[in-house]
Amino acid sequence: MKRKYYSIDASLFTSKEEVHNVLKKVFEGSEYYGSNLDALHDVLTSVCRDVKISLRGLEDSRQFIGEYADGIRQVFEDSAAENKHIKLKIK
């Protein structure tokens, strides 16, 4: 089976609310996605097929979301470490 690819442009994150609006669209098959980092972790660790995730522009979003950018990075990194199906690249 071909690996699914998610490309996330974090420079679109202009507020915490917008972070989760964008991620909800990216992970559209996850209807239980709540608008917080715990829910993001749940979605990522429940992935049960091979996926590639490219997260770019996170530093650009820092001007709008501040230290929340660090939390997003940590969730993606922790989830990828926990879930062997995720191959993560942060640019």
PDB file of N, CA and C in Angstrom:
ATOM      1  N   MET A   1       0.845  -1.178   0.000  1.00  0.00           N
ATOM      2  CA  MET A   1       0.000   0.000   0.000  1.00  0.00           C
ATOM      3  C   MET A   1       0.894   1.246   0.000  1.00  0.00           C
ATOM      4  N   LYS A   2       0.525   2.225  -0.796  1.00  0.00           N
ATOM      5  CA  LYS A   2       1.295   3.456  -0.905  1.00  0.00           C
ATOM      6  C   LYS A   2       1.144   4.297   0.366  1.00  0.00           C
ATOM      7  N   ARG A   3       2.235   4.910   0.763  1.00  0.00           N
ATOM      8  CA  ARG A   3       2.258   5.768   1.955  1.00  0.00           C
ATOM      9  C   ARG A   3       1.472   7.048   1.677  1.00  0.00           C
ATOM     10  N   LYS A   4       0.583   7.431   2.590  1.00  0.00           N
ATOM     11  CA  LYS A   4      -0.169   8.678   2.475  1.00  0.00           C
ATOM     12  C   LYS A   4       0.748   9.830   2.872  1.00  0.00           C
ATOM     13  N   TYR A   5       0.568  10.969   2.223  1.00  0.00           N
ATOM     14  CA  TYR A   5       1.429  12.125   2.450  1.00  0.00           C
ATOM     15  C   TYR A   5       0.591  13.314   2.906  1.00  0.00           C
ATOM     16  N   TYR A   6       0.990  13.908   4.016  1.00  0.00           N
ATOM     17  CA  TYR A   6       0.356  15.121   4.523  1.00  0.00           C
ATOM     18  C   TYR A   6       1.380  16.242   4.485  1.00  0.00           C
ATOM     19  N   SER A   7       1.018  17.347   3.866  1.00  0.00           N
ATOM     20  CA  SER A   7       1.864  18.528   3.833  1.00  0.00           C
ATOM     21  C   SER A   7       1.148  19.637   4.598  1.00  0.00           C
ATOM     22  N   ILE A   8       1.771  20.091   5.675  1.00  0.00           N
ATOM     23  CA  ILE A   8       1.137  21.087   6.533  1.00  0.00           C
ATOM     24  C   ILE A   8       1.955  22.367   6.500  1.00  0.00           C
ATOM     25  N   ASP A   9       1.314  23.449   6.075  1.00  0.00           N
ATOM     26  CA  ASP A   9       1.955  24.754   6.025  1.00  0.00           C
ATOM     27  C   ASP A   9       1.591  25.517   7.295  1.00  0.00           C
ATOM     28  N   ALA A  10       2.456  25.432   8.275  1.00  0.00           N
ATOM     29  CA  ALA A  10       2.197  26.047   9.581  1.00  0.00           C
ATOM     30  C   ALA A  10       2.246  27.567   9.533  1.00  0.00           C
ATOM     31  N   SER A  11       2.756  28.138   8.448  1.00  0.00           N
ATOM     32  CA  SER A  11       2.747  29.601   8.353  1.00  0.00           C
ATOM     33  C   SER A  11       1.315  30.133   8.274  1.00  0.00           C
ATOM     34  N   LEU A  12       0.355  29.248   8.033  1.00  0.00           N
ATOM     35  CA  LEU A  12      -1.060  29.632   8.019  1.00  0.00           C
ATOM     36  C   LEU A  12      -1.639  29.735   9.427  1.00  0.00           C
ATOM     37  N   PHE A  13      -0.876  29.314  10.428  1.00  0.00           N
ATOM     38  CA  PHE A  13      -1.342  29.336  11.812  1.00  0.00           C
ATOM     39  C   PHE A  13      -1.249  30.755  12.359  1.00  0.00           C
ATOM     40  N   THR A  14      -2.344  31.494  12.289  1.00  0.00           N
ATOM     41  CA  THR A  14      -2.350  32.885  12.747  1.00  0.00           C
ATOM     42  C   THR A  14      -2.962  33.039  14.143  1.00  0.00           C
ATOM     43  N   SER A  15      -3.518  31.945  14.654  1.00  0.00           N
ATOM     44  CA  SER A  15      -4.078  31.920  16.011  1.00  0.00           C
ATOM     45  C   SER A  15      -4.177  30.455  16.434  1.00  0.00           C
ATOM     46  N   LYS A  16      -4.360  30.229  17.724  1.00  0.00           N
ATOM     47  CA  LYS A  16      -4.527  28.849  18.195  1.00  0.00           C
ATOM     48  C   LYS A  16      -5.743  28.208  17.543  1.00  0.00           C
ATOM     49  N   GLU A  17      -6.800  28.990  17.393  1.00  0.00           N
ATOM     50  CA  GLU A  17      -8.016  28.480  16.751  1.00  0.00           C
ATOM     51  C   GLU A  17      -7.726  28.069  15.306  1.00  0.00           C
ATOM     52  N   GLU A  18      -6.961  28.874  14.612  1.00  0.00           N
ATOM     53  CA  GLU A  18      -6.640  28.572  13.222  1.00  0.00           C
ATOM     54  C   GLU A  18      -5.726  27.350  13.105  1.00  0.00           C
ATOM     55  N   VAL A  19      -4.849  27.149  14.079  1.00  0.00           N
ATOM     56  CA  VAL A  19      -4.025  25.933  14.112  1.00  0.00           C
ATOM     57  C   VAL A  19      -4.933  24.720  13.977  1.00  0.00           C
ATOM     58  N   HIS A  20      -5.947  24.667  14.805  1.00  0.00           N
ATOM     59  CA  HIS A  20      -6.801  23.492  14.852  1.00  0.00           C
ATOM     60  C   HIS A  20      -7.782  23.436  13.682  1.00  0.00           C
ATOM     61  N   ASN A  21      -8.169  24.591  13.141  1.00  0.00           N
ATOM     62  CA  ASN A  21      -8.989  24.585  11.924  1.00  0.00           C
ATOM     63  C   ASN A  21      -8.215  23.956  10.769  1.00  0.00           C
ATOM     64  N   VAL A  22      -6.946  24.341  10.626  1.00  0.00           N
ATOM     65  CA  VAL A  22      -6.106  23.798   9.552  1.00  0.00           C
ATOM     66  C   VAL A  22      -5.880  22.307   9.768  1.00  0.00           C
ATOM     67  N   LEU A  23      -5.521  21.916  10.985  1.00  0.00           N
ATOM     68  CA  LEU A  23      -5.225  20.506  11.250  1.00  0.00           C
ATOM     69  C   LEU A  23      -6.473  19.633  11.128  1.00  0.00           C
ATOM     70  N   LYS A  24      -7.615  20.175  11.473  1.00  0.00           N
ATOM     71  CA  LYS A  24      -8.868  19.435  11.324  1.00  0.00           C
ATOM     72  C   LYS A  24      -9.113  19.124   9.852  1.00  0.00           C
ATOM     73  N   LYS A  25      -8.795  20.068   8.975  1.00  0.00           N
ATOM     74  CA  LYS A  25      -8.945  19.845   7.528  1.00  0.00           C
ATOM     75  C   LYS A  25      -7.926  18.833   7.023  1.00  0.00           C
ATOM     76  N   VAL A  26      -6.701  18.943   7.503  1.00  0.00           N
ATOM     77  CA  VAL A  26      -5.641  18.023   7.065  1.00  0.00           C
ATOM     78  C   VAL A  26      -5.997  16.590   7.444  1.00  0.00           C
ATOM     79  N   PHE A  27      -6.427  16.391   8.669  1.00  0.00           N
ATOM     80  CA  PHE A  27      -6.753  15.049   9.157  1.00  0.00           C
ATOM     81  C   PHE A  27      -8.270  14.839   9.121  1.00  0.00           C
ATOM     82  N   GLU A  28      -8.860  15.110   7.982  1.00  0.00           N
ATOM     83  CA  GLU A  28     -10.313  15.120   7.818  1.00  0.00           C
ATOM     84  C   GLU A  28     -11.008  13.816   8.193  1.00  0.00           C
ATOM     85  N   GLY A  29     -10.322  12.701   8.124  1.00  0.00           N
ATOM     86  CA  GLY A  29     -10.937  11.433   8.476  1.00  0.00           C
ATOM     87  C   GLY A  29     -11.080  11.222   9.973  1.00  0.00           C
ATOM     88  N   SER A  30     -10.571  12.146  10.752  1.00  0.00           N
ATOM     89  CA  SER A  30     -10.607  12.015  12.218  1.00  0.00           C
ATOM     90  C   SER A  30     -11.708  12.894  12.781  1.00  0.00           C
ATOM     91  N   GLU A  31     -12.934  12.389  12.744  1.00  0.00           N
ATOM     92  CA  GLU A  31     -14.080  13.206  13.145  1.00  0.00           C
ATOM     93  C   GLU A  31     -14.080  13.559  14.621  1.00  0.00           C
ATOM     94  N   TYR A  32     -13.308  12.850  15.422  1.00  0.00           N
ATOM     95  CA  TYR A  32     -13.293  13.128  16.851  1.00  0.00           C
ATOM     96  C   TYR A  32     -12.201  14.127  17.242  1.00  0.00           C
ATOM     97  N   TYR A  33     -11.571  14.743  16.249  1.00  0.00           N
ATOM     98  CA  TYR A  33     -10.489  15.681  16.544  1.00  0.00           C
ATOM     99  C   TYR A  33     -11.027  16.868  17.329  1.00  0.00           C
ATOM    100  N   GLY A  34     -10.539  17.029  18.527  1.00  0.00           N
ATOM    101  CA  GLY A  34     -10.881  18.192  19.343  1.00  0.00           C
ATOM    102  C   GLY A  34      -9.865  19.287  19.074  1.00  0.00           C
ATOM    103  N   SER A  35     -10.148  20.465  19.462  1.00  0.00           N
ATOM    104  CA  SER A  35      -9.287  21.602  19.125  1.00  0.00           C
ATOM    105  C   SER A  35      -8.265  21.881  20.213  1.00  0.00           C
ATOM    106  N   ASN A  36      -7.356  20.911  20.424  1.00  0.00           N
ATOM    107  CA  ASN A  36      -6.290  21.091  21.401  1.00  0.00           C
ATOM    108  C   ASN A  36      -5.147  20.129  21.074  1.00  0.00           C
ATOM    109  N   LEU A  37      -4.024  20.316  21.735  1.00  0.00           N
ATOM    110  CA  LEU A  37      -2.844  19.504  21.441  1.00  0.00           C
ATOM    111  C   LEU A  37      -2.997  18.055  21.884  1.00  0.00           C
ATOM    112  N   ASP A  38      -3.759  17.800  22.930  1.00  0.00           N
ATOM    113  CA  ASP A  38      -4.015  16.419  23.352  1.00  0.00           C
ATOM    114  C   ASP A  38      -4.771  15.662  22.263  1.00  0.00           C
ATOM    115  N   ALA A  39      -5.748  16.317  21.661  1.00  0.00           N
ATOM    116  CA  ALA A  39      -6.509  15.686  20.582  1.00  0.00           C
ATOM    117  C   ALA A  39      -5.621  15.433  19.372  1.00  0.00           C
ATOM    118  N   LEU A  40      -4.729  16.366  19.066  1.00  0.00           N
ATOM    119  CA  LEU A  40      -3.788  16.170  17.960  1.00  0.00           C
ATOM    120  C   LEU A  40      -2.925  14.940  18.232  1.00  0.00           C
ATOM    121  N   HIS A  41      -2.432  14.812  19.445  1.00  0.00           N
ATOM    122  CA  HIS A  41      -1.638  13.646  19.828  1.00  0.00           C
ATOM    123  C   HIS A  41      -2.441  12.360  19.642  1.00  0.00           C
ATOM    124  N   ASP A  42      -3.701  12.378  20.062  1.00  0.00           N
ATOM    125  CA  ASP A  42      -4.561  11.204  19.906  1.00  0.00           C
ATOM    126  C   ASP A  42      -4.730  10.820  18.439  1.00  0.00           C
ATOM    127  N   VAL A  43      -4.953  11.812  17.591  1.00  0.00           N
ATOM    128  CA  VAL A  43      -5.114  11.546  16.158  1.00  0.00           C
ATOM    129  C   VAL A  43      -3.834  10.951  15.584  1.00  0.00           C
ATOM    130  N   LEU A  44      -2.706  11.551  15.904  1.00  0.00           N
ATOM    131  CA  LEU A  44      -1.442  11.091  15.338  1.00  0.00           C
ATOM    132  C   LEU A  44      -1.047   9.703  15.829  1.00  0.00           C
ATOM    133  N   THR A  45      -1.265   9.431  17.082  1.00  0.00           N
ATOM    134  CA  THR A  45      -0.863   8.119  17.602  1.00  0.00           C
ATOM    135  C   THR A  45      -1.840   7.015  17.212  1.00  0.00           C
ATOM    136  N   SER A  46      -3.007   7.387  16.694  1.00  0.00           N
ATOM    137  CA  SER A  46      -3.968   6.374  16.248  1.00  0.00           C
ATOM    138  C   SER A  46      -3.834   6.041  14.762  1.00  0.00           C
ATOM    139  N   VAL A  47      -2.926   6.699  14.064  1.00  0.00           N
ATOM    140  CA  VAL A  47      -2.697   6.403  12.652  1.00  0.00           C
ATOM    141  C   VAL A  47      -2.213   4.961  12.544  1.00  0.00           C
ATOM    142  N   CYS A  48      -2.883   4.178  11.690  1.00  0.00           N
ATOM    143  CA  CYS A  48      -2.520   2.762  11.604  1.00  0.00           C
ATOM    144  C   CYS A  48      -2.120   2.342  10.190  1.00  0.00           C
ATOM    145  N   ARG A  49      -1.681   3.301   9.398  1.00  0.00           N
ATOM    146  CA  ARG A  49      -1.084   3.012   8.096  1.00  0.00           C
ATOM    147  C   ARG A  49       0.095   3.948   7.917  1.00  0.00           C
ATOM    148  N   ASP A  50       1.000   3.597   7.051  1.00  0.00           N
ATOM    149  CA  ASP A  50       2.196   4.408   6.866  1.00  0.00           C
ATOM    150  C   ASP A  50       1.853   5.769   6.271  1.00  0.00           C
ATOM    151  N   VAL A  51       2.350   6.827   6.925  1.00  0.00           N
ATOM    152  CA  VAL A  51       2.131   8.201   6.455  1.00  0.00           C
ATOM    153  C   VAL A  51       3.442   8.977   6.537  1.00  0.00           C
ATOM    154  N   LYS A  52       3.570   9.933   5.642  1.00  0.00           N
ATOM    155  CA  LYS A  52       4.650  10.914   5.693  1.00  0.00           C
ATOM    156  C   LYS A  52       4.001  12.245   6.029  1.00  0.00           C
ATOM    157  N   ILE A  53       4.580  12.939   6.980  1.00  0.00           N
ATOM    158  CA  ILE A  53       4.065  14.249   7.356  1.00  0.00           C
ATOM    159  C   ILE A  53       5.196  15.258   7.215  1.00  0.00           C
ATOM    160  N   SER A  54       4.930  16.285   6.421  1.00  0.00           N
ATOM    161  CA  SER A  54       5.863  17.394   6.265  1.00  0.00           C
ATOM    162  C   SER A  54       5.235  18.612   6.947  1.00  0.00           C
ATOM    163  N   LEU A  55       5.917  19.127   7.943  1.00  0.00           N
ATOM    164  CA  LEU A  55       5.454  20.300   8.684  1.00  0.00           C
ATOM    165  C   LEU A  55       6.447  21.418   8.423  1.00  0.00           C
ATOM    166  N   ARG A  56       5.994  22.440   7.717  1.00  0.00           N
ATOM    167  CA  ARG A  56       6.902  23.534   7.373  1.00  0.00           C
ATOM    168  C   ARG A  56       6.288  24.870   7.800  1.00  0.00           C
ATOM    169  N   GLY A  57       7.158  25.854   8.008  1.00  0.00           N
ATOM    170  CA  GLY A  57       6.702  27.195   8.337  1.00  0.00           C
ATOM    171  C   GLY A  57       6.327  27.410   9.792  1.00  0.00           C
ATOM    172  N   LEU A  58       6.703  26.470  10.647  1.00  0.00           N
ATOM    173  CA  LEU A  58       6.318  26.591  12.054  1.00  0.00           C
ATOM    174  C   LEU A  58       6.951  27.815  12.707  1.00  0.00           C
ATOM    175  N   GLU A  59       8.193  28.098  12.379  1.00  0.00           N
ATOM    176  CA  GLU A  59       8.843  29.288  12.949  1.00  0.00           C
ATOM    177  C   GLU A  59       8.154  30.572  12.485  1.00  0.00           C
ATOM    178  N   ASP A  60       7.623  30.574  11.268  1.00  0.00           N
ATOM    179  CA  ASP A  60       6.901  31.745  10.760  1.00  0.00           C
ATOM    180  C   ASP A  60       5.631  32.015  11.568  1.00  0.00           C
ATOM    181  N   SER A  61       5.026  30.954  12.074  1.00  0.00           N
ATOM    182  CA  SER A  61       3.774  31.113  12.836  1.00  0.00           C
ATOM    183  C   SER A  61       4.017  31.652  14.241  1.00  0.00           C
ATOM    184  N   ARG A  62       5.249  31.574  14.698  1.00  0.00           N
ATOM    185  CA  ARG A  62       5.582  31.995  16.061  1.00  0.00           C
ATOM    186  C   ARG A  62       5.167  33.444  16.340  1.00  0.00           C
ATOM    187  N   GLN A  63       5.219  34.293  15.337  1.00  0.00           N
ATOM    188  CA  GLN A  63       4.835  35.694  15.544  1.00  0.00           C
ATOM    189  C   GLN A  63       3.355  35.829  15.925  1.00  0.00           C
ATOM    190  N   PHE A  64       2.549  34.827  15.566  1.00  0.00           N
ATOM    191  CA  PHE A  64       1.118  34.871  15.871  1.00  0.00           C
ATOM    192  C   PHE A  64       0.739  33.999  17.071  1.00  0.00           C
ATOM    193  N   ILE A  65       1.397  32.836  17.193  1.00  0.00           N
ATOM    194  CA  ILE A  65       0.967  31.889  18.228  1.00  0.00           C
ATOM    195  C   ILE A  65       1.997  31.695  19.333  1.00  0.00           C
ATOM    196  N   GLY A  66       3.125  32.381  19.226  1.00  0.00           N
ATOM    197  CA  GLY A  66       4.131  32.360  20.285  1.00  0.00           C
ATOM    198  C   GLY A  66       4.638  30.963  20.617  1.00  0.00           C
ATOM    199  N   GLU A  67       4.733  30.683  21.916  1.00  0.00           N
ATOM    200  CA  GLU A  67       5.276  29.411  22.394  1.00  0.00           C
ATOM    201  C   GLU A  67       4.390  28.212  22.058  1.00  0.00           C
ATOM    202  N   TYR A  68       3.175  28.451  21.617  1.00  0.00           N
ATOM    203  CA  TYR A  68       2.298  27.346  21.211  1.00  0.00           C
ATOM    204  C   TYR A  68       2.948  26.572  20.059  1.00  0.00           C
ATOM    205  N   ALA A  69       3.785  27.254  19.268  1.00  0.00           N
ATOM    206  CA  ALA A  69       4.524  26.595  18.182  1.00  0.00           C
ATOM    207  C   ALA A  69       5.419  25.488  18.738  1.00  0.00           C
ATOM    208  N   ASP A  70       6.014  25.722  19.905  1.00  0.00           N
ATOM    209  CA  ASP A  70       6.850  24.692  20.542  1.00  0.00           C
ATOM    210  C   ASP A  70       6.014  23.475  20.926  1.00  0.00           C
ATOM    211  N   GLY A  71       4.817  23.715  21.414  1.00  0.00           N
ATOM    212  CA  GLY A  71       3.922  22.629  21.778  1.00  0.00           C
ATOM    213  C   GLY A  71       3.517  21.798  20.575  1.00  0.00           C
ATOM    214  N   ILE A  72       3.254  22.470  19.473  1.00  0.00           N
ATOM    215  CA  ILE A  72       2.892  21.766  18.241  1.00  0.00           C
ATOM    216  C   ILE A  72       4.048  20.883  17.788  1.00  0.00           C
ATOM    217  N   ARG A  73       5.240  21.450  17.760  1.00  0.00           N
ATOM    218  CA  ARG A  73       6.423  20.684  17.357  1.00  0.00           C
ATOM    219  C   ARG A  73       6.595  19.465  18.269  1.00  0.00           C
ATOM    220  N   GLN A  74       6.451  19.679  19.565  1.00  0.00           N
ATOM    221  CA  GLN A  74       6.641  18.587  20.521  1.00  0.00           C
ATOM    222  C   GLN A  74       5.628  17.468  20.309  1.00  0.00           C
ATOM    223  N   VAL A  75       4.378  17.836  20.048  1.00  0.00           N
ATOM    224  CA  VAL A  75       3.343  16.820  19.825  1.00  0.00           C
ATOM    225  C   VAL A  75       3.656  16.001  18.577  1.00  0.00           C
ATOM    226  N   PHE A  76       4.044  16.676  17.502  1.00  0.00           N
ATOM    227  CA  PHE A  76       4.379  15.942  16.279  1.00  0.00           C
ATOM    228  C   PHE A  76       5.586  15.035  16.504  1.00  0.00           C
ATOM    229  N   GLU A  77       6.614  15.541  17.157  1.00  0.00           N
ATOM    230  CA  GLU A  77       7.812  14.734  17.402  1.00  0.00           C
ATOM    231  C   GLU A  77       7.523  13.557  18.332  1.00  0.00           C
ATOM    232  N   ASP A  78       6.801  13.795  19.413  1.00  0.00           N
ATOM    233  CA  ASP A  78       6.473  12.728  20.354  1.00  0.00           C
ATOM    234  C   ASP A  78       5.595  11.663  19.687  1.00  0.00           C
ATOM    235  N   SER A  79       4.623  12.112  18.919  1.00  0.00           N
ATOM    236  CA  SER A  79       3.717  11.179  18.248  1.00  0.00           C
ATOM    237  C   SER A  79       4.460  10.323  17.234  1.00  0.00           C
ATOM    238  N   ALA A  80       5.368  10.939  16.493  1.00  0.00           N
ATOM    239  CA  ALA A  80       6.156  10.180  15.513  1.00  0.00           C
ATOM    240  C   ALA A  80       7.063   9.172  16.213  1.00  0.00           C
ATOM    241  N   ALA A  81       7.579   9.528  17.378  1.00  0.00           N
ATOM    242  CA  ALA A  81       8.418   8.602  18.137  1.00  0.00           C
ATOM    243  C   ALA A  81       7.596   7.424  18.669  1.00  0.00           C
ATOM    244  N   GLU A  82       6.342   7.681  19.004  1.00  0.00           N
ATOM    245  CA  GLU A  82       5.468   6.638  19.545  1.00  0.00           C
ATOM    246  C   GLU A  82       4.847   5.761  18.466  1.00  0.00           C
ATOM    247  N   ASN A  83       4.635   6.317  17.286  1.00  0.00           N
ATOM    248  CA  ASN A  83       3.902   5.605  16.237  1.00  0.00           C
ATOM    249  C   ASN A  83       4.828   5.309  15.058  1.00  0.00           C
ATOM    250  N   LYS A  84       5.142   4.041  14.865  1.00  0.00           N
ATOM    251  CA  LYS A  84       6.074   3.624  13.812  1.00  0.00           C
ATOM    252  C   LYS A  84       5.545   3.883  12.410  1.00  0.00           C
ATOM    253  N   HIS A  85       4.270   4.195  12.265  1.00  0.00           N
ATOM    254  CA  HIS A  85       3.681   4.461  10.948  1.00  0.00           C
ATOM    255  C   HIS A  85       3.962   5.876  10.454  1.00  0.00           C
ATOM    256  N   ILE A  86       4.441   6.737  11.326  1.00  0.00           N
ATOM    257  CA  ILE A  86       4.650   8.138  10.960  1.00  0.00           C
ATOM    258  C   ILE A  86       6.106   8.408  10.640  1.00  0.00           C
ATOM    259  N   LYS A  87       6.321   8.961   9.459  1.00  0.00           N
ATOM    260  CA  LYS A  87       7.643   9.479   9.089  1.00  0.00           C
ATOM    261  C   LYS A  87       7.471  10.998   9.025  1.00  0.00           C
ATOM    262  N   LEU A  88       8.185  11.714   9.897  1.00  0.00           N
ATOM    263  CA  LEU A  88       7.998  13.151  10.086  1.00  0.00           C
ATOM    264  C   LEU A  88       9.195  13.925   9.579  1.00  0.00           C
ATOM    265  N   LYS A  89       8.908  15.022   8.883  1.00  0.00           N
ATOM    266  CA  LYS A  89       9.945  15.961   8.480  1.00  0.00           C
ATOM    267  C   LYS A  89       9.465  17.356   8.849  1.00  0.00           C
ATOM    268  N   ILE A  90      10.256  18.050   9.650  1.00  0.00           N
ATOM    269  CA  ILE A  90       9.925  19.422  10.035  1.00  0.00           C
ATOM    270  C   ILE A  90      10.967  20.335   9.391  1.00  0.00           C
ATOM    271  N   LYS A  91      10.476  21.299   8.637  1.00  0.00           N
ATOM    272  CA  LYS A  91      11.355  22.234   7.916  1.00  0.00           C
ATOM    273  C   LYS A  91      11.273  23.608   8.517  1.00  0.00           C
TER     274      LYS A  91
END
